[in-house]
């Protein structure tokens, strides 16, 4: 059955158009990604703009962005109208800086990893990836946590 856009999309219509489960749409709603209105019967109705917001959120998550960050960026946009090209450009510029930082961190890790491939032990005092300057030895015997962040 075709959606009646003048009355808004039902949650089922939105699920069909986005490929998301109804429960996922409700989850996104609780995080402020979409903002349905209620009709006279109390049923959720979504606008076409919600298709764009959900699609954007799904794409951003695939790029590794946390839902909280996505919701934070979308919170600055109008709830019940389609974001403009200018809005998306501003958001994408923020994402671009984050992606560039991730690329730099990955390149740094790759370059340090190249120095360890020859020995394979990763525990030498000179290991630049896991234990630069053998600082982990001061924390006691045994392996230590490796946490690589891009923040």
C-alpha atoms as a PDB file:
ATOM      1  CA  UNK A   1       0.000   0.000   0.000  1.00  0.00           C
ATOM      2  CA  UNK A   2       1.398   3.402  -0.949  1.00  0.00           C
ATOM      3  CA  UNK A   3       2.112   5.934   1.738  1.00  0.00           C
ATOM      4  CA  UNK A   4      -0.111   8.987   1.958  1.00  0.00           C
ATOM      5  CA  UNK A   5       2.537  11.677   2.261  1.00  0.00           C
ATOM      6  CA  UNK A   6       0.026  14.432   3.037  1.00  0.00           C
ATOM      7  CA  UNK A   7      -0.749  12.669   6.324  1.00  0.00           C
ATOM      8  CA  UNK A   8       2.847  11.692   6.997  1.00  0.00           C
ATOM      9  CA  UNK A   9       4.539   8.341   6.856  1.00  0.00           C
ATOM     10  CA  UNK A  10       3.606   5.603   9.272  1.00  0.00           C
ATOM     11  CA  UNK A  11       6.390   3.873  11.127  1.00  0.00           C
ATOM     12  CA  UNK A  12       5.832   0.885   8.815  1.00  0.00           C
ATOM     13  CA  UNK A  13       6.206   3.131   5.756  1.00  0.00           C
ATOM     14  CA  UNK A  14       9.427   4.511   7.192  1.00  0.00           C
ATOM     15  CA  UNK A  15      10.687   0.988   7.918  1.00  0.00           C
ATOM     16  CA  UNK A  16       9.946  -0.072   4.337  1.00  0.00           C
ATOM     17  CA  UNK A  17      11.692   2.963   2.865  1.00  0.00           C
ATOM     18  CA  UNK A  18      14.802   2.818   5.070  1.00  0.00           C
ATOM     19  CA  UNK A  19      15.165  -0.933   5.508  1.00  0.00           C
ATOM     20  CA  UNK A  20      15.205  -0.468   9.278  1.00  0.00           C
ATOM     21  CA  UNK A  21      13.137  -2.496  11.701  1.00  0.00           C
ATOM     22  CA  UNK A  22      10.331  -0.641  13.455  1.00  0.00           C
ATOM     23  CA  UNK A  23      12.146  -1.177  16.753  1.00  0.00           C
ATOM     24  CA  UNK A  24      15.279   0.451  15.295  1.00  0.00           C
ATOM     25  CA  UNK A  25      13.272   3.500  14.224  1.00  0.00           C
ATOM     26  CA  UNK A  26      11.908   3.807  17.749  1.00  0.00           C
ATOM     27  CA  UNK A  27      15.461   3.476  19.057  1.00  0.00           C
ATOM     28  CA  UNK A  28      16.607   6.309  16.788  1.00  0.00           C
ATOM     29  CA  UNK A  29      13.623   8.325  17.991  1.00  0.00           C
ATOM     30  CA  UNK A  30      14.692   7.932  21.625  1.00  0.00           C
ATOM     31  CA  UNK A  31      18.088   9.378  20.630  1.00  0.00           C
ATOM     32  CA  UNK A  32      16.540  12.409  18.924  1.00  0.00           C
ATOM     33  CA  UNK A  33      17.386  11.423  15.360  1.00  0.00           C
ATOM     34  CA  UNK A  34      13.746  11.641  14.247  1.00  0.00           C
ATOM     35  CA  UNK A  35      10.832  13.526  15.762  1.00  0.00           C
ATOM     36  CA  UNK A  36       7.455  12.144  14.715  1.00  0.00           C
ATOM     37  CA  UNK A  37       4.224  13.969  15.301  1.00  0.00           C
ATOM     38  CA  UNK A  38       1.130  12.227  16.613  1.00  0.00           C
ATOM     39  CA  UNK A  39      -2.085  12.156  14.631  1.00  0.00           C
ATOM     40  CA  UNK A  40      -5.552  12.463  16.211  1.00  0.00           C
ATOM     41  CA  UNK A  41      -5.480   8.729  17.001  1.00  0.00           C
ATOM     42  CA  UNK A  42      -2.119   9.047  18.762  1.00  0.00           C
ATOM     43  CA  UNK A  43      -0.173   7.217  16.038  1.00  0.00           C
ATOM     44  CA  UNK A  44       3.303   8.368  15.032  1.00  0.00           C
ATOM     45  CA  UNK A  45       3.592  10.104  11.688  1.00  0.00           C
ATOM     46  CA  UNK A  46       6.917  10.905  10.085  1.00  0.00           C
ATOM     47  CA  UNK A  47       7.833  13.392   7.397  1.00  0.00           C
ATOM     48  CA  UNK A  48       9.963  12.829   4.328  1.00  0.00           C
ATOM     49  CA  UNK A  49      12.728  14.701   6.125  1.00  0.00           C
ATOM     50  CA  UNK A  50      12.879  11.805   8.584  1.00  0.00           C
ATOM     51  CA  UNK A  51      13.938   9.533   5.716  1.00  0.00           C
ATOM     52  CA  UNK A  52      16.923  11.802   5.165  1.00  0.00           C
ATOM     53  CA  UNK A  53      17.768  12.027   8.851  1.00  0.00           C
ATOM     54  CA  UNK A  54      17.661   8.242   9.264  1.00  0.00           C
ATOM     55  CA  UNK A  55      19.672   7.660   6.096  1.00  0.00           C
ATOM     56  CA  UNK A  56      22.274  10.136   7.275  1.00  0.00           C
ATOM     57  CA  UNK A  57      22.450   8.498  10.712  1.00  0.00           C
ATOM     58  CA  UNK A  58      22.844   5.037   9.188  1.00  0.00           C
ATOM     59  CA  UNK A  59      25.617   6.221   6.850  1.00  0.00           C
ATOM     60  CA  UNK A  60      27.417   8.052   9.652  1.00  0.00           C
ATOM     61  CA  UNK A  61      27.281   4.962  11.858  1.00  0.00           C
ATOM     62  CA  UNK A  62      28.823   2.913   9.052  1.00  0.00           C
ATOM     63  CA  UNK A  63      31.665   5.419   9.035  1.00  0.00           C
ATOM     64  CA  UNK A  64      32.199   4.683  12.720  1.00  0.00           C
ATOM     65  CA  UNK A  65      30.529   7.691  14.295  1.00  0.00           C
ATOM     66  CA  UNK A  66      28.739   7.132  17.585  1.00  0.00           C
ATOM     67  CA  UNK A  67      24.999   7.638  17.698  1.00  0.00           C
ATOM     68  CA  UNK A  68      25.411  10.251  20.426  1.00  0.00           C
ATOM     69  CA  UNK A  69      27.650  12.354  18.181  1.00  0.00           C
ATOM     70  CA  UNK A  70      25.232  11.988  15.272  1.00  0.00           C
ATOM     71  CA  UNK A  71      22.300  13.026  17.455  1.00  0.00           C
ATOM     72  CA  UNK A  72      24.302  15.991  18.753  1.00  0.00           C
ATOM     73  CA  UNK A  73      24.927  17.225  15.222  1.00  0.00           C
ATOM     74  CA  UNK A  74      21.334  16.673  14.130  1.00  0.00           C
ATOM     75  CA  UNK A  75      20.039  18.469  17.231  1.00  0.00           C
ATOM     76  CA  UNK A  76      21.142  21.766  15.696  1.00  0.00           C
ATOM     77  CA  UNK A  77      18.875  21.182  12.691  1.00  0.00           C
ATOM     78  CA  UNK A  78      15.149  21.885  12.474  1.00  0.00           C
ATOM     79  CA  UNK A  79      13.121  18.898  13.714  1.00  0.00           C
ATOM     80  CA  UNK A  80      10.306  18.964  11.179  1.00  0.00           C
ATOM     81  CA  UNK A  81      11.795  20.074   7.896  1.00  0.00           C
ATOM     82  CA  UNK A  82      14.396  18.737   5.540  1.00  0.00           C
ATOM     83  CA  UNK A  83      17.932  19.915   6.262  1.00  0.00           C
ATOM     84  CA  UNK A  84      19.360  22.246   3.666  1.00  0.00           C
ATOM     85  CA  UNK A  85      22.473  21.656   1.598  1.00  0.00           C
ATOM     86  CA  UNK A  86      24.205  24.205   3.833  1.00  0.00           C
ATOM     87  CA  UNK A  87      23.232  22.178   6.930  1.00  0.00           C
ATOM     88  CA  UNK A  88      24.673  18.965   5.466  1.00  0.00           C
ATOM     89  CA  UNK A  89      27.830  20.761   4.329  1.00  0.00           C
ATOM     90  CA  UNK A  90      28.454  22.069   7.863  1.00  0.00           C
ATOM     91  CA  UNK A  91      27.957  18.594   9.352  1.00  0.00           C
ATOM     92  CA  UNK A  92      30.088  16.879   6.724  1.00  0.00           C
ATOM     93  CA  UNK A  93      32.915  19.341   7.342  1.00  0.00           C
ATOM     94  CA  UNK A  94      32.891  18.304  10.995  1.00  0.00           C
ATOM     95  CA  UNK A  95      32.954  14.666   9.974  1.00  0.00           C
ATOM     96  CA  UNK A  96      35.754  15.319   7.534  1.00  0.00           C
ATOM     97  CA  UNK A  97      38.002  16.656  10.295  1.00  0.00           C
ATOM     98  CA  UNK A  98      37.260  13.588  12.431  1.00  0.00           C
ATOM     99  CA  UNK A  99      37.910  11.218   9.524  1.00  0.00           C
ATOM    100  CA  UNK A 100      41.204  12.980   8.748  1.00  0.00           C
ATOM    101  CA  UNK A 101      42.259  12.568  12.393  1.00  0.00           C
ATOM    102  CA  UNK A 102      41.409   8.864  12.247  1.00  0.00           C
ATOM    103  CA  UNK A 103      43.384   8.439   9.048  1.00  0.00           C
ATOM    104  CA  UNK A 104      46.391  10.141  10.635  1.00  0.00           C
ATOM    105  CA  UNK A 105      46.149   7.895  13.717  1.00  0.00           C
ATOM    106  CA  UNK A 106      45.895   4.775  11.540  1.00  0.00           C
ATOM    107  CA  UNK A 107      48.852   5.851   9.420  1.00  0.00           C
ATOM    108  CA  UNK A 108      50.869   6.461  12.575  1.00  0.00           C
ATOM    109  CA  UNK A 109      49.957   3.014  13.885  1.00  0.00           C
ATOM    110  CA  UNK A 110      50.801   1.452  10.516  1.00  0.00           C
ATOM    111  CA  UNK A 111      54.182   3.142  10.433  1.00  0.00           C
ATOM    112  CA  UNK A 112      55.010   1.978  13.955  1.00  0.00           C
ATOM    113  CA  UNK A 113      53.778  -1.523  13.202  1.00  0.00           C
ATOM    114  CA  UNK A 114      56.172  -1.794  10.259  1.00  0.00           C
ATOM    115  CA  UNK A 115      59.067  -1.533  12.721  1.00  0.00           C
ATOM    116  CA  UNK A 116      57.801  -4.534  14.710  1.00  0.00           C
ATOM    117  CA  UNK A 117      57.062  -6.978  11.908  1.00  0.00           C
ATOM    118  CA  UNK A 118      60.660  -8.239  11.768  1.00  0.00           C
ATOM    119  CA  UNK A 119      60.890  -9.467  15.351  1.00  0.00           C
ATOM    120  CA  UNK A 120      57.320 -10.498  16.065  1.00  0.00           C
ATOM    121  CA  UNK A 121      57.735 -10.320  19.832  1.00  0.00           C
ATOM    122  CA  UNK A 122      56.355  -6.805  20.494  1.00  0.00           C
ATOM    123  CA  UNK A 123      58.019  -6.726  23.900  1.00  0.00           C
ATOM    124  CA  UNK A 124      61.414  -5.247  23.155  1.00  0.00           C
ATOM    125  CA  UNK A 125      62.446  -2.045  24.881  1.00  0.00           C
ATOM    126  CA  UNK A 126      62.551  -0.404  21.492  1.00  0.00           C
ATOM    127  CA  UNK A 127      58.989  -1.343  20.506  1.00  0.00           C
ATOM    128  CA  UNK A 128      57.375   1.879  19.317  1.00  0.00           C
ATOM    129  CA  UNK A 129      53.878   0.478  18.958  1.00  0.00           C
ATOM    130  CA  UNK A 130      52.989  -1.160  22.244  1.00  0.00           C
ATOM    131  CA  UNK A 131      55.733  -0.173  24.627  1.00  0.00           C
ATOM    132  CA  UNK A 132      57.697   2.916  23.662  1.00  0.00           C
ATOM    133  CA  UNK A 133      60.688   3.398  25.996  1.00  0.00           C
ATOM    134  CA  UNK A 134      59.650   0.220  27.874  1.00  0.00           C
ATOM    135  CA  UNK A 135      57.300   2.197  30.140  1.00  0.00           C
ATOM    136  CA  UNK A 136      54.946  -0.763  30.600  1.00  0.00           C
ATOM    137  CA  UNK A 137      57.632  -2.675  32.505  1.00  0.00           C
ATOM    138  CA  UNK A 138      57.237  -0.146  35.317  1.00  0.00           C
ATOM    139  CA  UNK A 139      53.587  -1.243  35.745  1.00  0.00           C
ATOM    140  CA  UNK A 140      54.531  -4.815  36.627  1.00  0.00           C
ATOM    141  CA  UNK A 141      54.967  -8.178  34.892  1.00  0.00           C
ATOM    142  CA  UNK A 142      52.730  -9.578  32.171  1.00  0.00           C
ATOM    143  CA  UNK A 143      50.842  -7.996  29.279  1.00  0.00           C
ATOM    144  CA  UNK A 144      49.215  -4.567  29.505  1.00  0.00           C
ATOM    145  CA  UNK A 145      46.138  -3.185  27.813  1.00  0.00           C
ATOM    146  CA  UNK A 146      46.516  -1.708  24.366  1.00  0.00           C
ATOM    147  CA  UNK A 147      44.135   1.118  23.701  1.00  0.00           C
ATOM    148  CA  UNK A 148      44.463   2.971  20.430  1.00  0.00           C
ATOM    149  CA  UNK A 149      42.165   5.945  20.184  1.00  0.00           C
ATOM    150  CA  UNK A 150      41.608   8.583  17.558  1.00  0.00           C
ATOM    151  CA  UNK A 151      40.460  11.233  20.000  1.00  0.00           C
END
